[in-house]
Amino acid sequence: MMLQTASVHIDLLKLLVRLSKDCRCISNQHYLDMESRLGEAGKMLGGWLNSLKQKNAV
């Protein structure tokens, strides 16, 4: 399913952003901004996935 693939990609991006911060390739401010945006996108995807699961269960 495309939403599950997107969720996996967001998790991968979170990891890469964290690694970028740890190796000092990006500033802490950029890290915080990207982490916040990726977290919000993850929450939205999670909501959509839960909605689809509920629809499929009915």
N, C-alpha and C. Protein backbone atom coordinates (compact mmCIF):
# COMPACT_ATOMS: atom_id res chain seq x y z
N MET A 1 0.84 -1.18 0.00
CA MET A 1 0.00 0.00 0.00
C MET A 1 0.88 1.24 0.00
N MET A 2 0.47 2.23 -0.72
CA MET A 2 1.29 3.44 -0.88
C MET A 2 1.47 4.21 0.43
N LEU A 3 0.46 4.22 1.28
CA LEU A 3 0.59 4.95 2.54
C LEU A 3 1.62 4.28 3.46
N GLN A 4 1.65 2.96 3.45
CA GLN A 4 2.64 2.27 4.27
C GLN A 4 4.05 2.54 3.75
N THR A 5 4.20 2.57 2.43
CA THR A 5 5.49 2.90 1.85
C THR A 5 5.91 4.32 2.22
N ALA A 6 4.99 5.24 2.19
CA ALA A 6 5.28 6.62 2.57
C ALA A 6 5.70 6.69 4.04
N SER A 7 5.05 5.91 4.88
CA SER A 7 5.39 5.88 6.30
C SER A 7 6.83 5.37 6.51
N VAL A 8 7.19 4.34 5.78
CA VAL A 8 8.56 3.81 5.86
C VAL A 8 9.56 4.86 5.39
N HIS A 9 9.21 5.58 4.33
CA HIS A 9 10.11 6.62 3.82
C HIS A 9 10.26 7.76 4.83
N ILE A 10 9.20 8.11 5.51
CA ILE A 10 9.30 9.15 6.54
C ILE A 10 10.21 8.69 7.67
N ASP A 11 10.07 7.43 8.08
CA ASP A 11 10.95 6.91 9.12
C ASP A 11 12.42 6.94 8.67
N LEU A 12 12.65 6.60 7.41
CA LEU A 12 14.01 6.64 6.88
C LEU A 12 14.54 8.08 6.87
N LEU A 13 13.70 9.02 6.45
CA LEU A 13 14.10 10.42 6.45
C LEU A 13 14.43 10.91 7.86
N LYS A 14 13.65 10.48 8.85
CA LYS A 14 13.93 10.87 10.24
C LYS A 14 15.32 10.38 10.65
N LEU A 15 15.64 9.15 10.27
CA LEU A 15 16.95 8.59 10.60
C LEU A 15 18.06 9.37 9.90
N LEU A 16 17.88 9.66 8.62
CA LEU A 16 18.91 10.39 7.88
C LEU A 16 19.10 11.81 8.41
N VAL A 17 18.01 12.45 8.80
CA VAL A 17 18.11 13.79 9.37
C VAL A 17 18.87 13.74 10.69
N ARG A 18 18.58 12.73 11.51
CA ARG A 18 19.27 12.58 12.79
C ARG A 18 20.77 12.34 12.56
N LEU A 19 21.10 11.49 11.60
CA LEU A 19 22.50 11.24 11.29
C LEU A 19 23.19 12.50 10.76
N SER A 20 22.47 13.28 9.97
CA SER A 20 23.03 14.53 9.45
C SER A 20 23.35 15.50 10.59
N LYS A 21 22.48 15.53 11.58
CA LYS A 21 22.74 16.39 12.74
C LYS A 21 23.93 15.87 13.53
N ASP A 22 23.97 14.55 13.73
CA ASP A 22 25.05 13.96 14.52
C ASP A 22 26.42 14.17 13.89
N CYS A 23 26.50 14.17 12.57
CA CYS A 23 27.78 14.39 11.90
C CYS A 23 28.00 15.88 11.60
N ARG A 24 27.11 16.71 12.11
CA ARG A 24 27.19 18.17 12.00
C ARG A 24 27.13 18.65 10.55
N CYS A 25 26.38 17.93 9.73
CA CYS A 25 26.15 18.36 8.35
C CYS A 25 25.04 19.41 8.28
N ILE A 26 24.17 19.40 9.30
CA ILE A 26 23.12 20.40 9.39
C ILE A 26 23.14 20.98 10.80
N SER A 27 22.62 22.18 10.93
CA SER A 27 22.60 22.84 12.24
C SER A 27 21.48 22.25 13.10
N ASN A 28 21.57 22.52 14.38
CA ASN A 28 20.53 22.05 15.30
C ASN A 28 19.18 22.66 14.94
N GLN A 29 19.19 23.92 14.51
CA GLN A 29 17.93 24.58 14.15
C GLN A 29 17.28 23.89 12.95
N HIS A 30 18.09 23.57 11.93
CA HIS A 30 17.54 22.86 10.77
C HIS A 30 17.05 21.48 11.16
N TYR A 31 17.78 20.82 12.05
CA TYR A 31 17.36 19.51 12.54
C TYR A 31 15.99 19.60 13.21
N LEU A 32 15.84 20.56 14.11
CA LEU A 32 14.58 20.70 14.83
C LEU A 32 13.42 21.00 13.88
N ASP A 33 13.68 21.84 12.88
CA ASP A 33 12.65 22.18 11.91
C ASP A 33 12.24 20.94 11.10
N MET A 34 13.21 20.22 10.59
CA MET A 34 12.90 19.03 9.78
C MET A 34 12.25 17.93 10.61
N GLU A 35 12.73 17.75 11.83
CA GLU A 35 12.16 16.72 12.69
C GLU A 35 10.70 17.03 13.02
N SER A 36 10.41 18.31 13.24
CA SER A 36 9.04 18.72 13.52
C SER A 36 8.13 18.45 12.31
N ARG A 37 8.60 18.82 11.14
CA ARG A 37 7.80 18.62 9.93
C ARG A 37 7.60 17.14 9.62
N LEU A 38 8.66 16.35 9.78
CA LEU A 38 8.53 14.91 9.54
C LEU A 38 7.62 14.26 10.58
N GLY A 39 7.70 14.73 11.82
CA GLY A 39 6.80 14.21 12.85
C GLY A 39 5.35 14.49 12.54
N GLU A 40 5.08 15.69 12.07
CA GLU A 40 3.70 16.05 11.70
C GLU A 40 3.22 15.21 10.52
N ALA A 41 4.07 15.03 9.53
CA ALA A 41 3.70 14.20 8.38
C ALA A 41 3.45 12.76 8.82
N GLY A 42 4.25 12.27 9.75
CA GLY A 42 4.06 10.92 10.27
C GLY A 42 2.74 10.76 11.01
N LYS A 43 2.37 11.78 11.76
CA LYS A 43 1.08 11.74 12.46
C LYS A 43 -0.08 11.70 11.48
N MET A 44 0.01 12.51 10.42
CA MET A 44 -1.05 12.52 9.41
C MET A 44 -1.16 11.16 8.71
N LEU A 45 -0.01 10.61 8.34
CA LEU A 45 -0.02 9.30 7.69
C LEU A 45 -0.59 8.23 8.62
N GLY A 46 -0.20 8.29 9.88
CA GLY A 46 -0.73 7.33 10.85
C GLY A 46 -2.24 7.42 10.96
N GLY A 47 -2.76 8.64 10.95
CA GLY A 47 -4.21 8.82 11.00
C GLY A 47 -4.90 8.26 9.77
N TRP A 48 -4.32 8.49 8.61
CA TRP A 48 -4.91 7.95 7.38
C TRP A 48 -4.88 6.43 7.38
N LEU A 49 -3.76 5.86 7.85
CA LEU A 49 -3.65 4.40 7.90
C LEU A 49 -4.68 3.81 8.86
N ASN A 50 -4.84 4.44 10.02
CA ASN A 50 -5.84 3.97 10.99
C ASN A 50 -7.25 4.08 10.42
N SER A 51 -7.52 5.15 9.71
CA SER A 51 -8.83 5.33 9.09
C SER A 51 -9.11 4.22 8.09
N LEU A 52 -8.12 3.90 7.28
CA LEU A 52 -8.31 2.83 6.29
C LEU A 52 -8.50 1.47 6.96
N LYS A 53 -7.76 1.23 8.05
CA LYS A 53 -7.92 -0.03 8.77
C LYS A 53 -9.33 -0.17 9.33
N GLN A 54 -9.88 0.94 9.86
CA GLN A 54 -11.23 0.90 10.40
C GLN A 54 -12.26 0.66 9.31
N LYS A 55 -12.07 1.29 8.15
CA LYS A 55 -12.99 1.09 7.04
C LYS A 55 -12.95 -0.35 6.54
N ASN A 56 -11.76 -0.92 6.50
CA ASN A 56 -11.60 -2.30 6.02
C ASN A 56 -12.14 -3.31 7.02
N ALA A 57 -12.18 -2.94 8.30
CA ALA A 57 -12.65 -3.85 9.34
C ALA A 57 -14.19 -3.95 9.33
N VAL A 58 -14.86 -2.94 8.78
CA VAL A 58 -16.32 -2.91 8.78
C VAL A 58 -16.88 -3.77 7.70
